[in-house]
Amino acid sequence: VVVGDYISGNTRRLVQVAEDQRVTCFHVETASELPLDRLRNCSRVGLTAGASTPRDIVDEVCEVLAGLNPAGGEGA
């Protein structure tokens, strides 16, 4: 999951790097945009954000992702 503004060059580059590695990538600006039904099927989820993405937005996305794995263990 890449969090950041859709027009941010830095954030778009993070998406491009993931896609170049053939990694499924979801670019969202906020936690409400997360495709939870698709993410629930993932065994692991990584999170990164553009340099100018506000910390509170990243924290909110992280909280939602952690909630996908109630045990809070590996793969969250």
PDB file of N, CA and C in Angstrom:
ATOM      1  N   VAL A   1       0.853  -1.167   0.000  1.00  0.00           N
ATOM      2  CA  VAL A   1       0.000   0.000   0.000  1.00  0.00           C
ATOM      3  C   VAL A   1       0.899   1.231   0.000  1.00  0.00           C
ATOM      4  N   VAL A   2       0.648   2.117  -0.942  1.00  0.00           N
ATOM      5  CA  VAL A   2       1.366   3.392  -0.998  1.00  0.00           C
ATOM      6  C   VAL A   2       0.357   4.491  -0.667  1.00  0.00           C
ATOM      7  N   VAL A   3       0.670   5.292   0.320  1.00  0.00           N
ATOM      8  CA  VAL A   3      -0.221   6.368   0.747  1.00  0.00           C
ATOM      9  C   VAL A   3       0.365   7.698   0.303  1.00  0.00           C
ATOM     10  N   GLY A   4      -0.447   8.496  -0.351  1.00  0.00           N
ATOM     11  CA  GLY A   4       0.007   9.816  -0.746  1.00  0.00           C
ATOM     12  C   GLY A   4      -0.853  10.402  -1.843  1.00  0.00           C
ATOM     13  N   ASP A   5      -0.646  11.661  -2.076  1.00  0.00           N
ATOM     14  CA  ASP A   5      -1.404  12.406  -3.075  1.00  0.00           C
ATOM     15  C   ASP A   5      -1.218  11.797  -4.455  1.00  0.00           C
ATOM     16  N   TYR A   6      -2.312  11.708  -5.202  1.00  0.00           N
ATOM     17  CA  TYR A   6      -2.254  11.127  -6.546  1.00  0.00           C
ATOM     18  C   TYR A   6      -1.388  11.932  -7.505  1.00  0.00           C
ATOM     19  N   ILE A   7      -1.192  13.210  -7.219  1.00  0.00           N
ATOM     20  CA  ILE A   7      -0.373  14.022  -8.128  1.00  0.00           C
ATOM     21  C   ILE A   7       1.066  14.185  -7.642  1.00  0.00           C
ATOM     22  N   SER A   8       1.399  13.590  -6.522  1.00  0.00           N
ATOM     23  CA  SER A   8       2.750  13.687  -5.974  1.00  0.00           C
ATOM     24  C   SER A   8       3.714  12.836  -6.800  1.00  0.00           C
ATOM     25  N   GLY A   9       4.742  13.471  -7.317  1.00  0.00           N
ATOM     26  CA  GLY A   9       5.751  12.751  -8.083  1.00  0.00           C
ATOM     27  C   GLY A   9       6.456  11.698  -7.245  1.00  0.00           C
ATOM     28  N   ASN A  10       6.753  12.019  -6.000  1.00  0.00           N
ATOM     29  CA  ASN A  10       7.420  11.080  -5.100  1.00  0.00           C
ATOM     30  C   ASN A  10       6.554   9.843  -4.863  1.00  0.00           C
ATOM     31  N   THR A  11       5.287  10.064  -4.589  1.00  0.00           N
ATOM     32  CA  THR A  11       4.376   8.953  -4.324  1.00  0.00           C
ATOM     33  C   THR A  11       4.174   8.114  -5.579  1.00  0.00           C
ATOM     34  N   ARG A  12       4.011   8.759  -6.712  1.00  0.00           N
ATOM     35  CA  ARG A  12       3.852   8.003  -7.959  1.00  0.00           C
ATOM     36  C   ARG A  12       5.087   7.162  -8.248  1.00  0.00           C
ATOM     37  N   ARG A  13       6.253   7.664  -7.892  1.00  0.00           N
ATOM     38  CA  ARG A  13       7.488   6.891  -8.091  1.00  0.00           C
ATOM     39  C   ARG A  13       7.500   5.648  -7.202  1.00  0.00           C
ATOM     40  N   LEU A  14       7.024   5.754  -5.973  1.00  0.00           N
ATOM     41  CA  LEU A  14       6.936   4.590  -5.094  1.00  0.00           C
ATOM     42  C   LEU A  14       6.029   3.516  -5.701  1.00  0.00           C
ATOM     43  N   VAL A  15       4.918   3.943  -6.272  1.00  0.00           N
ATOM     44  CA  VAL A  15       4.006   3.007  -6.939  1.00  0.00           C
ATOM     45  C   VAL A  15       4.715   2.346  -8.116  1.00  0.00           C
ATOM     46  N   GLN A  16       5.430   3.148  -8.890  1.00  0.00           N
ATOM     47  CA  GLN A  16       6.136   2.625 -10.059  1.00  0.00           C
ATOM     48  C   GLN A  16       7.180   1.578  -9.655  1.00  0.00           C
ATOM     49  N   VAL A  17       7.917   1.842  -8.592  1.00  0.00           N
ATOM     50  CA  VAL A  17       8.933   0.890  -8.117  1.00  0.00           C
ATOM     51  C   VAL A  17       8.276  -0.433  -7.741  1.00  0.00           C
ATOM     52  N   ALA A  18       7.162  -0.375  -7.033  1.00  0.00           N
ATOM     53  CA  ALA A  18       6.453  -1.601  -6.648  1.00  0.00           C
ATOM     54  C   ALA A  18       5.975  -2.350  -7.887  1.00  0.00           C
ATOM     55  N   GLU A  19       5.376  -1.639  -8.800  1.00  0.00           N
ATOM     56  CA  GLU A  19       4.866  -2.274 -10.013  1.00  0.00           C
ATOM     57  C   GLU A  19       5.989  -2.850 -10.862  1.00  0.00           C
ATOM     58  N   ASP A  20       7.130  -2.169 -10.908  1.00  0.00           N
ATOM     59  CA  ASP A  20       8.285  -2.680 -11.661  1.00  0.00           C
ATOM     60  C   ASP A  20       8.771  -4.010 -11.088  1.00  0.00           C
ATOM     61  N   GLN A  21       8.538  -4.214  -9.788  1.00  0.00           N
ATOM     62  CA  GLN A  21       8.925  -5.463  -9.133  1.00  0.00           C
ATOM     63  C   GLN A  21       7.805  -6.509  -9.189  1.00  0.00           C
ATOM     64  N   ARG A  22       6.760  -6.188  -9.935  1.00  0.00           N
ATOM     65  CA  ARG A  22       5.592  -7.073 -10.085  1.00  0.00           C
ATOM     66  C   ARG A  22       4.900  -7.364  -8.749  1.00  0.00           C
ATOM     67  N   VAL A  23       4.871  -6.341  -7.915  1.00  0.00           N
ATOM     68  CA  VAL A  23       4.194  -6.425  -6.622  1.00  0.00           C
ATOM     69  C   VAL A  23       2.823  -5.765  -6.788  1.00  0.00           C
ATOM     70  N   THR A  24       1.800  -6.434  -6.314  1.00  0.00           N
ATOM     71  CA  THR A  24       0.472  -5.824  -6.331  1.00  0.00           C
ATOM     72  C   THR A  24       0.527  -4.576  -5.461  1.00  0.00           C
ATOM     73  N   CYS A  25       0.059  -3.474  -6.004  1.00  0.00           N
ATOM     74  CA  CYS A  25       0.194  -2.198  -5.313  1.00  0.00           C
ATOM     75  C   CYS A  25      -1.137  -1.461  -5.317  1.00  0.00           C
ATOM     76  N   PHE A  26      -1.479  -0.904  -4.176  1.00  0.00           N
ATOM     77  CA  PHE A  26      -2.676  -0.088  -4.049  1.00  0.00           C
ATOM     78  C   PHE A  26      -2.238   1.309  -3.632  1.00  0.00           C
ATOM     79  N   HIS A  27      -2.536   2.302  -4.445  1.00  0.00           N
ATOM     80  CA  HIS A  27      -2.205   3.697  -4.150  1.00  0.00           C
ATOM     81  C   HIS A  27      -3.469   4.356  -3.614  1.00  0.00           C
ATOM     82  N   VAL A  28      -3.404   4.842  -2.397  1.00  0.00           N
ATOM     83  CA  VAL A  28      -4.552   5.498  -1.768  1.00  0.00           C
ATOM     84  C   VAL A  28      -4.115   6.837  -1.181  1.00  0.00           C
ATOM     85  N   GLU A  29      -5.070   7.739  -1.071  1.00  0.00           N
ATOM     86  CA  GLU A  29      -4.798   9.008  -0.398  1.00  0.00           C
ATOM     87  C   GLU A  29      -5.235   8.974   1.057  1.00  0.00           C
ATOM     88  N   THR A  30      -6.225   8.148   1.359  1.00  0.00           N
ATOM     89  CA  THR A  30      -6.753   8.056   2.721  1.00  0.00           C
ATOM     90  C   THR A  30      -7.112   6.602   3.039  1.00  0.00           C
ATOM     91  N   ALA A  31      -7.309   6.318   4.316  1.00  0.00           N
ATOM     92  CA  ALA A  31      -7.673   4.969   4.755  1.00  0.00           C
ATOM     93  C   ALA A  31      -9.015   4.535   4.178  1.00  0.00           C
ATOM     94  N   SER A  32      -9.911   5.473   3.950  1.00  0.00           N
ATOM     95  CA  SER A  32     -11.235   5.122   3.432  1.00  0.00           C
ATOM     96  C   SER A  32     -11.174   4.556   2.013  1.00  0.00           C
ATOM     97  N   GLU A  33     -10.057   4.757   1.329  1.00  0.00           N
ATOM     98  CA  GLU A  33      -9.900   4.251  -0.036  1.00  0.00           C
ATOM     99  C   GLU A  33      -9.290   2.850  -0.085  1.00  0.00           C
ATOM    100  N   LEU A  34      -8.895   2.312   1.052  1.00  0.00           N
ATOM    101  CA  LEU A  34      -8.274   0.987   1.063  1.00  0.00           C
ATOM    102  C   LEU A  34      -9.245  -0.071   0.542  1.00  0.00           C
ATOM    103  N   PRO A  35      -8.795  -0.932  -0.367  1.00  0.00           N
ATOM    104  CA  PRO A  35      -9.648  -2.023  -0.868  1.00  0.00           C
ATOM    105  C   PRO A  35      -9.610  -3.200   0.109  1.00  0.00           C
ATOM    106  N   LEU A  36     -10.324  -3.064   1.211  1.00  0.00           N
ATOM    107  CA  LEU A  36     -10.228  -4.029   2.311  1.00  0.00           C
ATOM    108  C   LEU A  36     -10.548  -5.452   1.884  1.00  0.00           C
ATOM    109  N   ASP A  37     -11.513  -5.636   1.009  1.00  0.00           N
ATOM    110  CA  ASP A  37     -11.856  -6.985   0.574  1.00  0.00           C
ATOM    111  C   ASP A  37     -10.684  -7.654  -0.130  1.00  0.00           C
ATOM    112  N   ARG A  38      -9.925  -6.895  -0.899  1.00  0.00           N
ATOM    113  CA  ARG A  38      -8.756  -7.450  -1.584  1.00  0.00           C
ATOM    114  C   ARG A  38      -7.584  -7.629  -0.625  1.00  0.00           C
ATOM    115  N   LEU A  39      -7.416  -6.709   0.296  1.00  0.00           N
ATOM    116  CA  LEU A  39      -6.301  -6.787   1.235  1.00  0.00           C
ATOM    117  C   LEU A  39      -6.456  -7.938   2.225  1.00  0.00           C
ATOM    118  N   ARG A  40      -7.684  -8.296   2.548  1.00  0.00           N
ATOM    119  CA  ARG A  40      -7.913  -9.416   3.472  1.00  0.00           C
ATOM    120  C   ARG A  40      -7.374 -10.730   2.909  1.00  0.00           C
ATOM    121  N   ASN A  41      -7.270 -10.820   1.597  1.00  0.00           N
ATOM    122  CA  ASN A  41      -6.783 -12.036   0.951  1.00  0.00           C
ATOM    123  C   ASN A  41      -5.260 -12.088   0.846  1.00  0.00           C
ATOM    124  N   CYS A  42      -4.590 -11.051   1.286  1.00  0.00           N
ATOM    125  CA  CYS A  42      -3.126 -10.994   1.198  1.00  0.00           C
ATOM    126  C   CYS A  42      -2.504 -11.633   2.439  1.00  0.00           C
ATOM    127  N   SER A  43      -1.437 -12.391   2.220  1.00  0.00           N
ATOM    128  CA  SER A  43      -0.742 -12.973   3.365  1.00  0.00           C
ATOM    129  C   SER A  43       0.183 -11.956   4.028  1.00  0.00           C
ATOM    130  N   ARG A  44       0.622 -10.976   3.263  1.00  0.00           N
ATOM    131  CA  ARG A  44       1.465  -9.890   3.796  1.00  0.00           C
ATOM    132  C   ARG A  44       1.079  -8.592   3.123  1.00  0.00           C
ATOM    133  N   VAL A  45       1.171  -7.519   3.883  1.00  0.00           N
ATOM    134  CA  VAL A  45       0.888  -6.189   3.349  1.00  0.00           C
ATOM    135  C   VAL A  45       1.992  -5.258   3.806  1.00  0.00           C
ATOM    136  N   GLY A  46       2.593  -4.567   2.865  1.00  0.00           N
ATOM    137  CA  GLY A  46       3.597  -3.561   3.184  1.00  0.00           C
ATOM    138  C   GLY A  46       2.977  -2.180   3.083  1.00  0.00           C
ATOM    139  N   LEU A  47       3.550  -1.245   3.781  1.00  0.00           N
ATOM    140  CA  LEU A  47       3.032   0.123   3.795  1.00  0.00           C
ATOM    141  C   LEU A  47       4.183   1.094   3.623  1.00  0.00           C
ATOM    142  N   THR A  48       4.006   2.026   2.701  1.00  0.00           N
ATOM    143  CA  THR A  48       4.955   3.115   2.531  1.00  0.00           C
ATOM    144  C   THR A  48       4.154   4.361   2.186  1.00  0.00           C
ATOM    145  N   ALA A  49       4.805   5.497   2.252  1.00  0.00           N
ATOM    146  CA  ALA A  49       4.099   6.749   1.987  1.00  0.00           C
ATOM    147  C   ALA A  49       5.041   7.755   1.348  1.00  0.00           C
ATOM    148  N   GLY A  50       4.434   8.647   0.576  1.00  0.00           N
ATOM    149  CA  GLY A  50       5.188   9.737  -0.013  1.00  0.00           C
ATOM    150  C   GLY A  50       5.733  10.645   1.079  1.00  0.00           C
ATOM    151  N   ALA A  51       6.810  11.330   0.763  1.00  0.00           N
ATOM    152  CA  ALA A  51       7.507  12.158   1.756  1.00  0.00           C
ATOM    153  C   ALA A  51       6.624  13.247   2.362  1.00  0.00           C
ATOM    154  N   SER A  52       5.674  13.766   1.598  1.00  0.00           N
ATOM    155  CA  SER A  52       4.847  14.862   2.109  1.00  0.00           C
ATOM    156  C   SER A  52       3.500  14.389   2.660  1.00  0.00           C
ATOM    157  N   THR A  53       3.310  13.089   2.765  1.00  0.00           N
ATOM    158  CA  THR A  53       2.047  12.568   3.294  1.00  0.00           C
ATOM    159  C   THR A  53       1.985  12.837   4.793  1.00  0.00           C
ATOM    160  N   PRO A  54       0.922  13.482   5.268  1.00  0.00           N
ATOM    161  CA  PRO A  54       0.817  13.785   6.698  1.00  0.00           C
ATOM    162  C   PRO A  54       0.849  12.517   7.557  1.00  0.00           C
ATOM    163  N   ARG A  55       1.551  12.600   8.654  1.00  0.00           N
ATOM    164  CA  ARG A  55       1.733  11.458   9.549  1.00  0.00           C
ATOM    165  C   ARG A  55       0.401  10.893  10.050  1.00  0.00           C
ATOM    166  N   ASP A  56      -0.566  11.757  10.316  1.00  0.00           N
ATOM    167  CA  ASP A  56      -1.841  11.260  10.830  1.00  0.00           C
ATOM    168  C   ASP A  56      -2.561  10.392   9.812  1.00  0.00           C
ATOM    169  N   ILE A  57      -2.406  10.673   8.538  1.00  0.00           N
ATOM    170  CA  ILE A  57      -3.019   9.846   7.492  1.00  0.00           C
ATOM    171  C   ILE A  57      -2.322   8.489   7.432  1.00  0.00           C
ATOM    172  N   VAL A  58      -0.992   8.492   7.497  1.00  0.00           N
ATOM    173  CA  VAL A  58      -0.235   7.237   7.493  1.00  0.00           C
ATOM    174  C   VAL A  58      -0.615   6.404   8.715  1.00  0.00           C
ATOM    175  N   ASP A  59      -0.719   7.027   9.866  1.00  0.00           N
ATOM    176  CA  ASP A  59      -1.095   6.317  11.100  1.00  0.00           C
ATOM    177  C   ASP A  59      -2.482   5.698  10.969  1.00  0.00           C
ATOM    178  N   GLU A  60      -3.419   6.426  10.382  1.00  0.00           N
ATOM    179  CA  GLU A  60      -4.782   5.911  10.218  1.00  0.00           C
ATOM    180  C   GLU A  60      -4.787   4.697   9.282  1.00  0.00           C
ATOM    181  N   VAL A  61      -4.057   4.774   8.186  1.00  0.00           N
ATOM    182  CA  VAL A  61      -3.963   3.641   7.258  1.00  0.00           C
ATOM    183  C   VAL A  61      -3.335   2.447   7.976  1.00  0.00           C
ATOM    184  N   CYS A  62      -2.296   2.692   8.734  1.00  0.00           N
ATOM    185  CA  CYS A  62      -1.625   1.631   9.483  1.00  0.00           C
ATOM    186  C   CYS A  62      -2.596   0.960  10.464  1.00  0.00           C
ATOM    187  N   GLU A  63      -3.402   1.735  11.152  1.00  0.00           N
ATOM    188  CA  GLU A  63      -4.387   1.188  12.097  1.00  0.00           C
ATOM    189  C   GLU A  63      -5.385   0.292  11.394  1.00  0.00           C
ATOM    190  N   VAL A  64      -5.881   0.746  10.250  1.00  0.00           N
ATOM    191  CA  VAL A  64      -6.855  -0.050   9.498  1.00  0.00           C
ATOM    192  C   VAL A  64      -6.217  -1.352   9.036  1.00  0.00           C
ATOM    193  N   LEU A  65      -4.997  -1.272   8.528  1.00  0.00           N
ATOM    194  CA  LEU A  65      -4.310  -2.485   8.068  1.00  0.00           C
ATOM    195  C   LEU A  65      -4.058  -3.448   9.222  1.00  0.00           C
ATOM    196  N   ALA A  66      -3.672  -2.939  10.362  1.00  0.00           N
ATOM    197  CA  ALA A  66      -3.441  -3.790  11.529  1.00  0.00           C
ATOM    198  C   ALA A  66      -4.727  -4.489  11.948  1.00  0.00           C
ATOM    199  N   GLY A  67      -5.855  -3.848  11.741  1.00  0.00           N
ATOM    200  CA  GLY A  67      -7.139  -4.437  12.081  1.00  0.00           C
ATOM    201  C   GLY A  67      -7.531  -5.605  11.197  1.00  0.00           C
ATOM    202  N   LEU A  68      -6.855  -5.757  10.062  1.00  0.00           N
ATOM    203  CA  LEU A  68      -7.141  -6.885   9.178  1.00  0.00           C
ATOM    204  C   LEU A  68      -6.631  -8.187   9.768  1.00  0.00           C
ATOM    205  N   ASN A  69      -5.671  -8.092  10.688  1.00  0.00           N
ATOM    206  CA  ASN A  69      -5.095  -9.264  11.343  1.00  0.00           C
ATOM    207  C   ASN A  69      -5.260  -9.060  12.839  1.00  0.00           C
ATOM    208  N   PRO A  70      -6.368  -9.548  13.392  1.00  0.00           N
ATOM    209  CA  PRO A  70      -6.660  -9.279  14.813  1.00  0.00           C
ATOM    210  C   PRO A  70      -5.543  -9.707  15.762  1.00  0.00           C
ATOM    211  N   ALA A  71      -4.748 -10.708  15.391  1.00  0.00           N
ATOM    212  CA  ALA A  71      -3.660 -11.145  16.261  1.00  0.00           C
ATOM    213  C   ALA A  71      -2.525 -10.130  16.270  1.00  0.00           C
ATOM    214  N   GLY A  72      -2.494  -9.271  15.247  1.00  0.00           N
ATOM    215  CA  GLY A  72      -1.457  -8.253  15.166  1.00  0.00           C
ATOM    216  C   GLY A  72      -0.079  -8.821  14.880  1.00  0.00           C
ATOM    217  N   GLY A  73      -0.047 -10.053  14.405  1.00  0.00           N
ATOM    218  CA  GLY A  73       1.234 -10.706  14.143  1.00  0.00           C
ATOM    219  C   GLY A  73       1.720 -10.481  12.739  1.00  0.00           C
ATOM    220  N   GLU A  74       2.669 -11.308  12.341  1.00  0.00           N
ATOM    221  CA  GLU A  74       3.262 -11.193  11.015  1.00  0.00           C
ATOM    222  C   GLU A  74       2.187 -11.338   9.969  1.00  0.00           C
ATOM    223  N   GLY A  75       2.320 -10.554   8.925  1.00  0.00           N
ATOM    224  CA  GLY A  75       1.349 -10.577   7.856  1.00  0.00           C
ATOM    225  C   GLY A  75       0.347  -9.447   7.954  1.00  0.00           C
ATOM    226  N   ALA A  76       0.433  -8.667   9.023  1.00  0.00           N
ATOM    227  CA  ALA A  76      -0.492  -7.546   9.190  1.00  0.00           C
ATOM    228  C   ALA A  76      -0.047  -6.369   8.359  1.00  0.00           C
TER     229      ALA A  76
END
